[in-house]
Full PDB file with SEQRES, HELIX, SHEET, SSBOND, CRYST1, ORIGX, SCALE, CONECT and MASTER records, all heavy atoms in Angstrom:
SEQRES   1 A   43  PRO GLY GLY ALA TYR GLY LEU ALA TYR ASP ALA LYS ARG          
SEQRES   2 A   43  SER LEU ALA TRP VAL THR LEU THR GLY ARG ASN GLN VAL          
SEQRES   3 A   43  VAL GLY TYR ASP VAL ARG GLY GLY GLU PRO VAL GLU LYS          
SEQRES   4 A   43  TYR ARG PHE PRO                                              
SHEET    1 AA1 4 ALA A   4  ASP A  10  0                                        
SHEET    2 AA1 4 LEU A  15  LEU A  20 -1                                        
SHEET    3 AA1 4 GLN A  25  ASP A  30 -1                                        
SHEET    4 AA1 4 VAL A  37  PHE A  42 -1                                        
CRYST1    1.000    1.000    1.000  90.00  90.00  90.00 P 1           1          
ORIGX1      1.000000  0.000000  0.000000        0.00000                         
ORIGX2      0.000000  1.000000  0.000000        0.00000                         
ORIGX3      0.000000  0.000000  1.000000        0.00000                         
SCALE1      1.000000  0.000000  0.000000        0.00000                         
SCALE2      0.000000  1.000000  0.000000        0.00000                         
SCALE3      0.000000  0.000000  1.000000        0.00000                         
ATOM      1  N   PRO A   1     -60.466 -30.544 -49.939  1.00  0.00           N  
ATOM      2  CA  PRO A   1     -61.157 -31.334 -50.893  1.00  0.00           C  
ATOM      3  C   PRO A   1     -62.251 -32.197 -50.255  1.00  0.00           C  
ATOM      4  O   PRO A   1     -62.191 -32.527 -49.041  1.00  0.00           O  
ATOM      5  CB  PRO A   1     -60.017 -32.205 -51.498  1.00  0.00           C  
ATOM      6  CG  PRO A   1     -59.008 -32.252 -50.462  1.00  0.00           C  
ATOM      7  CD  PRO A   1     -59.047 -30.997 -49.768  1.00  0.00           C  
ATOM      8  N   GLY A   2     -63.254 -32.625 -50.999  1.00  0.00           N  
ATOM      9  CA  GLY A   2     -64.282 -33.509 -50.514  1.00  0.00           C  
ATOM     10  C   GLY A   2     -65.649 -32.863 -50.304  1.00  0.00           C  
ATOM     11  O   GLY A   2     -66.504 -33.497 -49.730  1.00  0.00           O  
ATOM     12  N   GLY A   3     -65.833 -31.641 -50.779  1.00  0.00           N  
ATOM     13  CA  GLY A   3     -67.155 -31.071 -50.676  1.00  0.00           C  
ATOM     14  C   GLY A   3     -67.348 -30.224 -49.460  1.00  0.00           C  
ATOM     15  O   GLY A   3     -68.333 -30.359 -48.727  1.00  0.00           O  
ATOM     16  N   ALA A   4     -66.380 -29.307 -49.165  1.00  0.00           N  
ATOM     17  CA  ALA A   4     -66.502 -28.426 -47.967  1.00  0.00           C  
ATOM     18  C   ALA A   4     -67.793 -27.648 -48.003  1.00  0.00           C  
ATOM     19  O   ALA A   4     -68.163 -27.023 -49.022  1.00  0.00           O  
ATOM     20  CB  ALA A   4     -65.314 -27.443 -47.970  1.00  0.00           C  
ATOM     21  N   TYR A   5     -68.475 -27.613 -46.913  1.00  0.00           N  
ATOM     22  CA  TYR A   5     -69.813 -26.944 -46.860  1.00  0.00           C  
ATOM     23  C   TYR A   5     -70.107 -26.359 -45.483  1.00  0.00           C  
ATOM     24  O   TYR A   5     -69.982 -25.220 -45.212  1.00  0.00           O  
ATOM     25  CB  TYR A   5     -70.903 -27.867 -47.347  1.00  0.00           C  
ATOM     26  CG  TYR A   5     -72.177 -27.071 -47.658  1.00  0.00           C  
ATOM     27  CD1 TYR A   5     -72.292 -26.284 -48.784  1.00  0.00           C  
ATOM     28  CD2 TYR A   5     -73.276 -27.084 -46.741  1.00  0.00           C  
ATOM     29  CE1 TYR A   5     -73.414 -25.514 -49.047  1.00  0.00           C  
ATOM     30  CE2 TYR A   5     -74.408 -26.362 -47.030  1.00  0.00           C  
ATOM     31  CZ  TYR A   5     -74.520 -25.613 -48.161  1.00  0.00           C  
ATOM     32  OH  TYR A   5     -75.639 -24.842 -48.399  1.00  0.00           O  
ATOM     33  N   GLY A   6     -70.592 -27.218 -44.575  1.00  0.00           N  
ATOM     34  CA  GLY A   6     -70.987 -26.784 -43.218  1.00  0.00           C  
ATOM     35  C   GLY A   6     -69.794 -26.228 -42.480  1.00  0.00           C  
ATOM     36  O   GLY A   6     -68.620 -26.742 -42.684  1.00  0.00           O  
ATOM     37  N   LEU A   7     -69.979 -25.308 -41.503  1.00  0.00           N  
ATOM     38  CA  LEU A   7     -68.905 -24.658 -40.855  1.00  0.00           C  
ATOM     39  C   LEU A   7     -69.313 -24.226 -39.408  1.00  0.00           C  
ATOM     40  O   LEU A   7     -70.389 -23.643 -39.239  1.00  0.00           O  
ATOM     41  CB  LEU A   7     -68.437 -23.417 -41.622  1.00  0.00           C  
ATOM     42  CG  LEU A   7     -67.283 -22.575 -41.125  1.00  0.00           C  
ATOM     43  CD1 LEU A   7     -66.005 -23.446 -41.019  1.00  0.00           C  
ATOM     44  CD2 LEU A   7     -67.055 -21.368 -41.973  1.00  0.00           C  
ATOM     45  N   ALA A   8     -68.493 -24.500 -38.452  1.00  0.00           N  
ATOM     46  CA  ALA A   8     -68.726 -24.076 -37.095  1.00  0.00           C  
ATOM     47  C   ALA A   8     -67.321 -23.799 -36.430  1.00  0.00           C  
ATOM     48  O   ALA A   8     -66.346 -24.334 -36.894  1.00  0.00           O  
ATOM     49  CB  ALA A   8     -69.452 -25.177 -36.255  1.00  0.00           C  
ATOM     50  N   TYR A   9     -67.346 -23.033 -35.312  1.00  0.00           N  
ATOM     51  CA  TYR A   9     -66.083 -22.697 -34.739  1.00  0.00           C  
ATOM     52  C   TYR A   9     -66.116 -22.898 -33.261  1.00  0.00           C  
ATOM     53  O   TYR A   9     -67.083 -22.461 -32.543  1.00  0.00           O  
ATOM     54  CB  TYR A   9     -65.749 -21.205 -35.018  1.00  0.00           C  
ATOM     55  CG  TYR A   9     -64.446 -20.709 -34.468  1.00  0.00           C  
ATOM     56  CD1 TYR A   9     -63.245 -21.204 -35.015  1.00  0.00           C  
ATOM     57  CD2 TYR A   9     -64.381 -19.902 -33.352  1.00  0.00           C  
ATOM     58  CE1 TYR A   9     -62.022 -20.787 -34.431  1.00  0.00           C  
ATOM     59  CE2 TYR A   9     -63.162 -19.489 -32.814  1.00  0.00           C  
ATOM     60  CZ  TYR A   9     -62.000 -19.967 -33.395  1.00  0.00           C  
ATOM     61  OH  TYR A   9     -60.864 -19.559 -32.808  1.00  0.00           O  
ATOM     62  N   ASP A  10     -65.045 -23.535 -32.717  1.00  0.00           N  
ATOM     63  CA  ASP A  10     -64.852 -23.741 -31.275  1.00  0.00           C  
ATOM     64  C   ASP A  10     -63.919 -22.733 -30.784  1.00  0.00           C  
ATOM     65  O   ASP A  10     -62.670 -22.845 -31.034  1.00  0.00           O  
ATOM     66  CB  ASP A  10     -64.311 -25.168 -31.088  1.00  0.00           C  
ATOM     67  CG  ASP A  10     -64.090 -25.542 -29.587  1.00  0.00           C  
ATOM     68  OD1 ASP A  10     -63.973 -24.645 -28.791  1.00  0.00           O  
ATOM     69  OD2 ASP A  10     -64.013 -26.724 -29.284  1.00  0.00           O  
ATOM     70  N   ALA A  11     -64.388 -21.708 -30.101  1.00  0.00           N  
ATOM     71  CA  ALA A  11     -63.584 -20.596 -29.699  1.00  0.00           C  
ATOM     72  C   ALA A  11     -62.539 -20.981 -28.587  1.00  0.00           C  
ATOM     73  O   ALA A  11     -61.465 -20.438 -28.539  1.00  0.00           O  
ATOM     74  CB  ALA A  11     -64.459 -19.435 -29.204  1.00  0.00           C  
ATOM     75  N   LYS A  12     -62.860 -21.966 -27.783  1.00  0.00           N  
ATOM     76  CA  LYS A  12     -62.034 -22.326 -26.692  1.00  0.00           C  
ATOM     77  C   LYS A  12     -60.744 -23.030 -27.221  1.00  0.00           C  
ATOM     78  O   LYS A  12     -59.671 -22.918 -26.654  1.00  0.00           O  
ATOM     79  CB  LYS A  12     -62.736 -23.270 -25.723  1.00  0.00           C  
ATOM     80  CG  LYS A  12     -61.968 -23.603 -24.505  1.00  0.00           C  
ATOM     81  CD  LYS A  12     -62.882 -24.386 -23.501  1.00  0.00           C  
ATOM     82  CE  LYS A  12     -62.190 -24.778 -22.225  1.00  0.00           C  
ATOM     83  NZ  LYS A  12     -63.012 -25.493 -21.221  1.00  0.00           N  
ATOM     84  N   ARG A  13     -60.940 -23.750 -28.301  1.00  0.00           N  
ATOM     85  CA  ARG A  13     -59.824 -24.604 -28.868  1.00  0.00           C  
ATOM     86  C   ARG A  13     -59.316 -24.106 -30.214  1.00  0.00           C  
ATOM     87  O   ARG A  13     -58.390 -24.714 -30.825  1.00  0.00           O  
ATOM     88  CB  ARG A  13     -60.258 -26.036 -28.960  1.00  0.00           C  
ATOM     89  CG  ARG A  13     -60.650 -26.674 -27.635  1.00  0.00           C  
ATOM     90  CD  ARG A  13     -61.502 -27.933 -27.777  1.00  0.00           C  
ATOM     91  NE  ARG A  13     -61.887 -28.368 -26.474  1.00  0.00           N  
ATOM     92  CZ  ARG A  13     -62.978 -27.879 -25.798  1.00  0.00           C  
ATOM     93  NH1 ARG A  13     -63.709 -26.896 -26.338  1.00  0.00           N  
ATOM     94  NH2 ARG A  13     -63.283 -28.377 -24.627  1.00  0.00           N  
ATOM     95  N   SER A  14     -59.837 -23.001 -30.704  1.00  0.00           N  
ATOM     96  CA  SER A  14     -59.477 -22.408 -31.996  1.00  0.00           C  
ATOM     97  C   SER A  14     -59.581 -23.446 -33.116  1.00  0.00           C  
ATOM     98  O   SER A  14     -58.735 -23.517 -33.988  1.00  0.00           O  
ATOM     99  CB  SER A  14     -58.004 -21.859 -31.941  1.00  0.00           C  
ATOM    100  OG  SER A  14     -57.961 -20.775 -31.021  1.00  0.00           O  
ATOM    101  N   LEU A  15     -60.683 -24.221 -33.080  1.00  0.00           N  
ATOM    102  CA  LEU A  15     -60.911 -25.201 -34.087  1.00  0.00           C  
ATOM    103  C   LEU A  15     -62.019 -24.844 -35.026  1.00  0.00           C  
ATOM    104  O   LEU A  15     -63.153 -24.486 -34.562  1.00  0.00           O  
ATOM    105  CB  LEU A  15     -61.208 -26.589 -33.466  1.00  0.00           C  
ATOM    106  CG  LEU A  15     -60.133 -27.320 -32.746  1.00  0.00           C  
ATOM    107  CD1 LEU A  15     -60.680 -28.575 -31.999  1.00  0.00           C  
ATOM    108  CD2 LEU A  15     -59.042 -27.747 -33.723  1.00  0.00           C  
ATOM    109  N   ALA A  16     -61.816 -24.869 -36.263  1.00  0.00           N  
ATOM    110  CA  ALA A  16     -62.858 -24.702 -37.285  1.00  0.00           C  
ATOM    111  C   ALA A  16     -63.275 -26.098 -37.736  1.00  0.00           C  
ATOM    112  O   ALA A  16     -62.463 -26.905 -38.236  1.00  0.00           O  
ATOM    113  CB  ALA A  16     -62.357 -23.891 -38.488  1.00  0.00           C  
ATOM    114  N   TRP A  17     -64.593 -26.351 -37.598  1.00  0.00           N  
ATOM    115  CA  TRP A  17     -65.128 -27.674 -37.987  1.00  0.00           C  
ATOM    116  C   TRP A  17     -65.782 -27.518 -39.348  1.00  0.00           C  
ATOM    117  O   TRP A  17     -66.775 -26.758 -39.495  1.00  0.00           O  
ATOM    118  CB  TRP A  17     -66.099 -28.167 -36.977  1.00  0.00           C  
ATOM    119  CG  TRP A  17     -65.378 -28.652 -35.735  1.00  0.00           C  
ATOM    120  CD1 TRP A  17     -65.151 -27.942 -34.612  1.00  0.00           C  
ATOM    121  CD2 TRP A  17     -64.755 -29.954 -35.548  1.00  0.00           C  
ATOM    122  NE1 TRP A  17     -64.446 -28.715 -33.657  1.00  0.00           N  
ATOM    123  CE2 TRP A  17     -64.240 -29.941 -34.217  1.00  0.00           C  
ATOM    124  CE3 TRP A  17     -64.634 -31.085 -36.298  1.00  0.00           C  
ATOM    125  CZ2 TRP A  17     -63.500 -31.043 -33.704  1.00  0.00           C  
ATOM    126  CZ3 TRP A  17     -63.936 -32.201 -35.750  1.00  0.00           C  
ATOM    127  CH2 TRP A  17     -63.408 -32.136 -34.475  1.00  0.00           C  
ATOM    128  N   VAL A  18     -65.372 -28.279 -40.372  1.00  0.00           N  
ATOM    129  CA  VAL A  18     -65.875 -28.220 -41.683  1.00  0.00           C  
ATOM    130  C   VAL A  18     -66.410 -29.562 -42.134  1.00  0.00           C  
ATOM    131  O   VAL A  18     -65.735 -30.614 -42.005  1.00  0.00           O  
ATOM    132  CB  VAL A  18     -64.741 -27.867 -42.732  1.00  0.00           C  
ATOM    133  CG1 VAL A  18     -65.260 -27.738 -44.181  1.00  0.00           C  
ATOM    134  CG2 VAL A  18     -64.031 -26.531 -42.265  1.00  0.00           C  
ATOM    135  N   THR A  19     -67.632 -29.557 -42.613  1.00  0.00           N  
ATOM    136  CA  THR A  19     -68.183 -30.809 -43.096  1.00  0.00           C  
ATOM    137  C   THR A  19     -67.846 -31.011 -44.565  1.00  0.00           C  
ATOM    138  O   THR A  19     -67.802 -30.077 -45.318  1.00  0.00           O  
ATOM    139  CB  THR A  19     -69.774 -30.877 -42.919  1.00  0.00           C  
ATOM    140  OG1 THR A  19     -70.364 -29.901 -43.799  1.00  0.00           O  
ATOM    141  CG2 THR A  19     -70.176 -30.630 -41.543  1.00  0.00           C  
ATOM    142  N   LEU A  20     -67.600 -32.268 -44.972  1.00  0.00           N  
ATOM    143  CA  LEU A  20     -67.298 -32.628 -46.346  1.00  0.00           C  
ATOM    144  C   LEU A  20     -68.475 -33.557 -46.780  1.00  0.00           C  
ATOM    145  O   LEU A  20     -68.509 -34.719 -46.553  1.00  0.00           O  
ATOM    146  CB  LEU A  20     -66.023 -33.436 -46.404  1.00  0.00           C  
ATOM    147  CG  LEU A  20     -64.780 -32.758 -45.694  1.00  0.00           C  
ATOM    148  CD1 LEU A  20     -63.540 -33.597 -45.903  1.00  0.00           C  
ATOM    149  CD2 LEU A  20     -64.528 -31.363 -46.237  1.00  0.00           C  
ATOM    150  N   THR A  21     -69.393 -32.879 -47.502  1.00  0.00           N  
ATOM    151  CA  THR A  21     -70.615 -33.611 -47.899  1.00  0.00           C  
ATOM    152  C   THR A  21     -70.292 -34.638 -48.969  1.00  0.00           C  
ATOM    153  O   THR A  21     -71.055 -35.612 -49.142  1.00  0.00           O  
ATOM    154  CB  THR A  21     -71.712 -32.654 -48.344  1.00  0.00           C  
ATOM    155  OG1 THR A  21     -71.238 -31.935 -49.526  1.00  0.00           O  
ATOM    156  CG2 THR A  21     -72.076 -31.686 -47.299  1.00  0.00           C  
ATOM    157  N   GLY A  22     -69.263 -34.482 -49.768  1.00  0.00           N  
ATOM    158  CA  GLY A  22     -68.902 -35.391 -50.789  1.00  0.00           C  
ATOM    159  C   GLY A  22     -68.264 -36.682 -50.250  1.00  0.00           C  
ATOM    160  O   GLY A  22     -68.146 -37.681 -50.960  1.00  0.00           O  
ATOM    161  N   ARG A  23     -67.887 -36.704 -48.973  1.00  0.00           N  
ATOM    162  CA  ARG A  23     -67.208 -37.770 -48.352  1.00  0.00           C  
ATOM    163  C   ARG A  23     -67.880 -38.295 -47.082  1.00  0.00           C  
ATOM    164  O   ARG A  23     -67.373 -39.250 -46.431  1.00  0.00           O  
ATOM    165  CB  ARG A  23     -65.761 -37.457 -48.006  1.00  0.00           C  
ATOM    166  CG  ARG A  23     -64.904 -37.138 -49.259  1.00  0.00           C  
ATOM    167  CD  ARG A  23     -63.511 -36.803 -48.821  1.00  0.00           C  
ATOM    168  NE  ARG A  23     -62.631 -36.560 -50.025  1.00  0.00           N  
ATOM    169  CZ  ARG A  23     -61.354 -36.237 -49.932  1.00  0.00           C  
ATOM    170  NH1 ARG A  23     -60.750 -36.093 -48.759  1.00  0.00           N  
ATOM    171  NH2 ARG A  23     -60.699 -35.981 -51.062  1.00  0.00           N  
ATOM    172  N   ASN A  24     -68.994 -37.605 -46.608  1.00  0.00           N  
ATOM    173  CA  ASN A  24     -69.599 -37.933 -45.349  1.00  0.00           C  
ATOM    174  C   ASN A  24     -68.529 -37.929 -44.197  1.00  0.00           C  
ATOM    175  O   ASN A  24     -68.345 -38.870 -43.481  1.00  0.00           O  
ATOM    176  CB  ASN A  24     -70.234 -39.290 -45.425  1.00  0.00           C  
ATOM    177  CG  ASN A  24     -71.437 -39.339 -46.328  1.00  0.00           C  
ATOM    178  OD1 ASN A  24     -72.198 -38.375 -46.481  1.00  0.00           O  
ATOM    179  ND2 ASN A  24     -71.619 -40.463 -47.013  1.00  0.00           N  
ATOM    180  N   GLN A  25     -67.939 -36.767 -44.112  1.00  0.00           N  
ATOM    181  CA  GLN A  25     -66.880 -36.573 -43.060  1.00  0.00           C  
ATOM    182  C   GLN A  25     -67.031 -35.177 -42.457  1.00  0.00           C  
ATOM    183  O   GLN A  25     -67.622 -34.217 -43.066  1.00  0.00           O  
ATOM    184  CB  GLN A  25     -65.507 -36.712 -43.637  1.00  0.00           C  
ATOM    185  CG  GLN A  25     -65.121 -38.113 -44.121  1.00  0.00           C  
ATOM    186  CD  GLN A  25     -63.708 -38.175 -44.672  1.00  0.00           C  
ATOM    187  OE1 GLN A  25     -63.078 -37.179 -45.035  1.00  0.00           O  
ATOM    188  NE2 GLN A  25     -63.233 -39.379 -44.808  1.00  0.00           N  
ATOM    189  N   VAL A  26     -66.457 -34.989 -41.253  1.00  0.00           N  
ATOM    190  CA  VAL A  26     -66.249 -33.685 -40.674  1.00  0.00           C  
ATOM    191  C   VAL A  26     -64.807 -33.584 -40.215  1.00  0.00           C  
ATOM    192  O   VAL A  26     -64.220 -34.562 -39.704  1.00  0.00           O  
ATOM    193  CB  VAL A  26     -67.223 -33.448 -39.511  1.00  0.00           C  
ATOM    194  CG1 VAL A  26     -66.968 -34.423 -38.372  1.00  0.00           C  
ATOM    195  CG2 VAL A  26     -67.198 -32.020 -39.024  1.00  0.00           C  
ATOM    196  N   VAL A  27     -64.199 -32.486 -40.443  1.00  0.00           N  
ATOM    197  CA  VAL A  27     -62.757 -32.265 -40.199  1.00  0.00           C  
ATOM    198  C   VAL A  27     -62.575 -31.085 -39.277  1.00  0.00           C  
ATOM    199  O   VAL A  27     -63.237 -30.000 -39.453  1.00  0.00           O  
ATOM    200  CB  VAL A  27     -61.973 -32.050 -41.465  1.00  0.00           C  
ATOM    201  CG1 VAL A  27     -60.485 -31.936 -41.197  1.00  0.00           C  
ATOM    202  CG2 VAL A  27     -62.256 -33.092 -42.509  1.00  0.00           C  
ATOM    203  N   GLY A  28     -61.776 -31.240 -38.244  1.00  0.00           N  
ATOM    204  CA  GLY A  28     -61.384 -30.109 -37.358  1.00  0.00           C  
ATOM    205  C   GLY A  28     -60.084 -29.513 -37.668  1.00  0.00           C  
ATOM    206  O   GLY A  28     -59.066 -30.254 -37.646  1.00  0.00           O  
ATOM    207  N   TYR A  29     -59.996 -28.238 -37.955  1.00  0.00           N  
ATOM    208  CA  TYR A  29     -58.773 -27.528 -38.272  1.00  0.00           C  
ATOM    209  C   TYR A  29     -58.379 -26.544 -37.203  1.00  0.00           C  
ATOM    210  O   TYR A  29     -59.219 -25.702 -36.835  1.00  0.00           O  
ATOM    211  CB  TYR A  29     -58.872 -26.771 -39.603  1.00  0.00           C  
ATOM    212  CG  TYR A  29     -59.047 -27.668 -40.832  1.00  0.00           C  
ATOM    213  CD1 TYR A  29     -60.248 -27.870 -41.374  1.00  0.00           C  
ATOM    214  CD2 TYR A  29     -57.888 -28.297 -41.394  1.00  0.00           C  
ATOM    215  CE1 TYR A  29     -60.403 -28.643 -42.546  1.00  0.00           C  
ATOM    216  CE2 TYR A  29     -58.047 -29.141 -42.475  1.00  0.00           C  
ATOM    217  CZ  TYR A  29     -59.285 -29.296 -43.066  1.00  0.00           C  
ATOM    218  OH  TYR A  29     -59.407 -30.063 -44.179  1.00  0.00           O  
ATOM    219  N   ASP A  30     -57.155 -26.624 -36.664  1.00  0.00           N  
ATOM    220  CA  ASP A  30     -56.623 -25.629 -35.821  1.00  0.00           C  
ATOM    221  C   ASP A  30     -56.234 -24.377 -36.654  1.00  0.00           C  
ATOM    222  O   ASP A  30     -55.501 -24.504 -37.628  1.00  0.00           O  
ATOM    223  CB  ASP A  30     -55.377 -26.121 -35.109  1.00  0.00           C  
ATOM    224  CG  ASP A  30     -54.870 -25.184 -34.016  1.00  0.00           C  
ATOM    225  OD1 ASP A  30     -54.892 -23.951 -34.238  1.00  0.00           O  
ATOM    226  OD2 ASP A  30     -54.451 -25.699 -32.988  1.00  0.00           O  
ATOM    227  N   VAL A  31     -56.829 -23.223 -36.407  1.00  0.00           N  
ATOM    228  CA  VAL A  31     -56.710 -22.048 -37.253  1.00  0.00           C  
ATOM    229  C   VAL A  31     -55.845 -20.943 -36.566  1.00  0.00           C  
ATOM    230  O   VAL A  31     -55.889 -19.784 -36.976  1.00  0.00           O  
ATOM    231  CB  VAL A  31     -58.044 -21.490 -37.729  1.00  0.00           C  
ATOM    232  CG1 VAL A  31     -58.749 -22.480 -38.586  1.00  0.00           C  
ATOM    233  CG2 VAL A  31     -58.924 -21.084 -36.548  1.00  0.00           C  
ATOM    234  N   ARG A  32     -55.101 -21.303 -35.582  1.00  0.00           N  
ATOM    235  CA  ARG A  32     -54.299 -20.277 -34.860  1.00  0.00           C  
ATOM    236  C   ARG A  32     -53.075 -19.803 -35.670  1.00  0.00           C  
ATOM    237  O   ARG A  32     -52.630 -18.670 -35.439  1.00  0.00           O  
ATOM    238  CB  ARG A  32     -53.842 -20.853 -33.525  1.00  0.00           C  
ATOM    239  CG  ARG A  32     -54.916 -20.939 -32.513  1.00  0.00           C  
ATOM    240  CD  ARG A  32     -54.454 -21.603 -31.227  1.00  0.00           C  
ATOM    241  NE  ARG A  32     -54.184 -23.053 -31.394  1.00  0.00           N  
ATOM    242  CZ  ARG A  32     -53.909 -23.904 -30.436  1.00  0.00           C  
ATOM    243  NH1 ARG A  32     -53.825 -23.459 -29.207  1.00  0.00           N  
ATOM    244  NH2 ARG A  32     -53.717 -25.193 -30.666  1.00  0.00           N  
ATOM    245  N   GLY A  33     -52.579 -20.641 -36.513  1.00  0.00           N  
ATOM    246  CA  GLY A  33     -51.243 -20.265 -37.167  1.00  0.00           C  
ATOM    247  C   GLY A  33     -51.449 -19.683 -38.555  1.00  0.00           C  
ATOM    248  O   GLY A  33     -52.519 -19.160 -38.900  1.00  0.00           O  
ATOM    249  N   GLY A  34     -50.409 -19.759 -39.320  1.00  0.00           N  
ATOM    250  CA  GLY A  34     -50.394 -19.160 -40.692  1.00  0.00           C  
ATOM    251  C   GLY A  34     -51.202 -19.883 -41.672  1.00  0.00           C  
ATOM    252  O   GLY A  34     -51.568 -19.306 -42.713  1.00  0.00           O  
ATOM    253  N   GLU A  35     -51.544 -21.139 -41.369  1.00  0.00           N  
ATOM    254  CA  GLU A  35     -52.476 -21.880 -42.219  1.00  0.00           C  
ATOM    255  C   GLU A  35     -53.175 -22.920 -41.349  1.00  0.00           C  
ATOM    256  O   GLU A  35     -52.671 -23.325 -40.283  1.00  0.00           O  
ATOM    257  CB  GLU A  35     -51.785 -22.591 -43.412  1.00  0.00           C  
ATOM    258  CG  GLU A  35     -50.810 -23.685 -42.979  1.00  0.00           C  
ATOM    259  CD  GLU A  35     -50.208 -24.386 -44.155  1.00  0.00           C  
ATOM    260  OE1 GLU A  35     -49.992 -23.693 -45.257  1.00  0.00           O  
ATOM    261  OE2 GLU A  35     -49.916 -25.586 -44.071  1.00  0.00           O  
ATOM    262  N   PRO A  36     -54.367 -23.385 -41.734  1.00  0.00           N  
ATOM    263  CA  PRO A  36     -55.067 -24.389 -40.915  1.00  0.00           C  
ATOM    264  C   PRO A  36     -54.300 -25.716 -40.794  1.00  0.00           C  
ATOM    265  O   PRO A  36     -53.568 -26.103 -41.775  1.00  0.00           O  
ATOM    266  CB  PRO A  36     -56.357 -24.599 -41.690  1.00  0.00           C  
ATOM    267  CG  PRO A  36     -56.570 -23.364 -42.485  1.00  0.00           C  
ATOM    268  CD  PRO A  36     -55.195 -22.926 -42.896  1.00  0.00           C  
ATOM    269  N   VAL A  37     -54.395 -26.300 -39.657  1.00  0.00           N  
ATOM    270  CA  VAL A  37     -53.731 -27.617 -39.399  1.00  0.00           C  
ATOM    271  C   VAL A  37     -54.806 -28.633 -39.009  1.00  0.00           C  
ATOM    272  O   VAL A  37     -55.521 -28.446 -38.042  1.00  0.00           O  
ATOM    273  CB  VAL A  37     -52.665 -27.528 -38.339  1.00  0.00           C  
ATOM    274  CG1 VAL A  37     -52.052 -28.887 -38.032  1.00  0.00           C  
ATOM    275  CG2 VAL A  37     -51.595 -26.497 -38.755  1.00  0.00           C  
ATOM    276  N   GLU A  38     -54.903 -29.739 -39.780  1.00  0.00           N  
ATOM    277  CA  GLU A  38     -55.880 -30.741 -39.439  1.00  0.00           C  
ATOM    278  C   GLU A  38     -55.588 -31.423 -38.145  1.00  0.00           C  
ATOM    279  O   GLU A  38     -54.467 -31.933 -37.943  1.00  0.00           O  
ATOM    280  CB  GLU A  38     -55.965 -31.737 -40.584  1.00  0.00           C  
ATOM    281  CG  GLU A  38     -57.039 -32.810 -40.343  1.00  0.00           C  
ATOM    282  CD  GLU A  38     -57.174 -33.833 -41.451  1.00  0.00           C  
ATOM    283  OE1 GLU A  38     -56.964 -33.450 -42.665  1.00  0.00           O  
ATOM    284  OE2 GLU A  38     -57.530 -35.001 -41.182  1.00  0.00           O  
ATOM    285  N   LYS A  39     -56.532 -31.468 -37.224  1.00  0.00           N  
ATOM    286  CA  LYS A  39     -56.384 -32.095 -35.965  1.00  0.00           C  
ATOM    287  C   LYS A  39     -57.380 -33.342 -35.807  1.00  0.00           C  
ATOM    288  O   LYS A  39     -56.953 -34.285 -35.120  1.00  0.00           O  
ATOM    289  CB  LYS A  39     -56.775 -31.162 -34.869  1.00  0.00           C  
ATOM    290  CG  LYS A  39     -55.782 -29.989 -34.699  1.00  0.00           C  
ATOM    291  CD  LYS A  39     -54.386 -30.510 -34.275  1.00  0.00           C  
ATOM    292  CE  LYS A  39     -53.441 -29.347 -34.016  1.00  0.00           C  
ATOM    293  NZ  LYS A  39     -52.083 -29.774 -33.610  1.00  0.00           N  
ATOM    294  N   TYR A  40     -58.489 -33.286 -36.423  1.00  0.00           N  
ATOM    295  CA  TYR A  40     -59.457 -34.406 -36.319  1.00  0.00           C  
ATOM    296  C   TYR A  40     -60.167 -34.649 -37.674  1.00  0.00           C  
ATOM    297  O   TYR A  40     -60.354 -33.694 -38.460  1.00  0.00           O  
ATOM    298  CB  TYR A  40     -60.497 -34.041 -35.283  1.00  0.00           C  
ATOM    299  CG  TYR A  40     -60.015 -33.773 -33.911  1.00  0.00           C  
ATOM    300  CD1 TYR A  40     -59.889 -32.418 -33.490  1.00  0.00           C  
ATOM    301  CD2 TYR A  40     -59.661 -34.783 -33.042  1.00  0.00           C  
ATOM    302  CE1 TYR A  40     -59.427 -32.151 -32.167  1.00  0.00           C  
ATOM    303  CE2 TYR A  40     -59.183 -34.476 -31.751  1.00  0.00           C  
ATOM    304  CZ  TYR A  40     -59.075 -33.149 -31.346  1.00  0.00           C  
ATOM    305  OH  TYR A  40     -58.634 -32.897 -30.087  1.00  0.00           O  
ATOM    306  N   ARG A  41     -60.523 -35.897 -37.884  1.00  0.00           N  
ATOM    307  CA  ARG A  41     -61.362 -36.258 -39.019  1.00  0.00           C  
ATOM    308  C   ARG A  41     -62.209 -37.411 -38.605  1.00  0.00           C  
ATOM    309  O   ARG A  41     -61.725 -38.448 -38.103  1.00  0.00           O  
ATOM    310  CB  ARG A  41     -60.467 -36.598 -40.234  1.00  0.00           C  
ATOM    311  CG  ARG A  41     -61.311 -36.933 -41.525  1.00  0.00           C  
ATOM    312  CD  ARG A  41     -60.337 -37.243 -42.681  1.00  0.00           C  
ATOM    313  NE  ARG A  41     -59.559 -36.064 -43.057  1.00  0.00           N  
ATOM    314  CZ  ARG A  41     -59.830 -35.325 -44.143  1.00  0.00           C  
ATOM    315  NH1 ARG A  41     -60.908 -35.612 -44.896  1.00  0.00           N  
ATOM    316  NH2 ARG A  41     -59.092 -34.259 -44.444  1.00  0.00           N  
ATOM    317  N   PHE A  42     -63.577 -37.273 -38.821  1.00  0.00           N  
ATOM    318  CA  PHE A  42     -64.476 -38.352 -38.380  1.00  0.00           C  
ATOM    319  C   PHE A  42     -65.487 -38.638 -39.475  1.00  0.00           C  
ATOM    320  O   PHE A  42     -65.896 -37.727 -40.263  1.00  0.00           O  
ATOM    321  CB  PHE A  42     -65.286 -37.887 -37.159  1.00  0.00           C  
ATOM    322  CG  PHE A  42     -64.423 -37.627 -35.908  1.00  0.00           C  
ATOM    323  CD1 PHE A  42     -64.150 -36.262 -35.561  1.00  0.00           C  
ATOM    324  CD2 PHE A  42     -63.915 -38.625 -35.187  1.00  0.00           C  
ATOM    325  CE1 PHE A  42     -63.446 -36.018 -34.431  1.00  0.00           C  
ATOM    326  CE2 PHE A  42     -63.163 -38.435 -34.038  1.00  0.00           C  
ATOM    327  CZ  PHE A  42     -62.934 -37.088 -33.649  1.00  0.00           C  
ATOM    328  N   PRO A  43     -65.940 -39.898 -39.603  1.00  0.00           N  
ATOM    329  CA  PRO A  43     -67.054 -40.198 -40.506  1.00  0.00           C  
ATOM    330  C   PRO A  43     -68.353 -39.753 -39.912  1.00  0.00           C  
ATOM    331  O   PRO A  43     -68.516 -39.715 -38.720  1.00  0.00           O  
ATOM    332  CB  PRO A  43     -67.040 -41.757 -40.555  1.00  0.00           C  
ATOM    333  CG  PRO A  43     -66.396 -42.168 -39.252  1.00  0.00           C  
ATOM    334  CD  PRO A  43     -65.401 -41.124 -38.917  1.00  0.00           C  
TER     335      PRO A  43                                                      
MASTER        0    0    0    0    4    0    0    6  334    1    0    4          
END                                                                             
């Protein structure tokens, strides 16, 4: 939630970075498992 839009991937850490334009945030998800796991969230 929050306006998912921009997307980038860190291959070394298996992190998908998603920007939330509706909240002015970026969230880092570990995507190695059965579902993404939030690891980071920044304004």
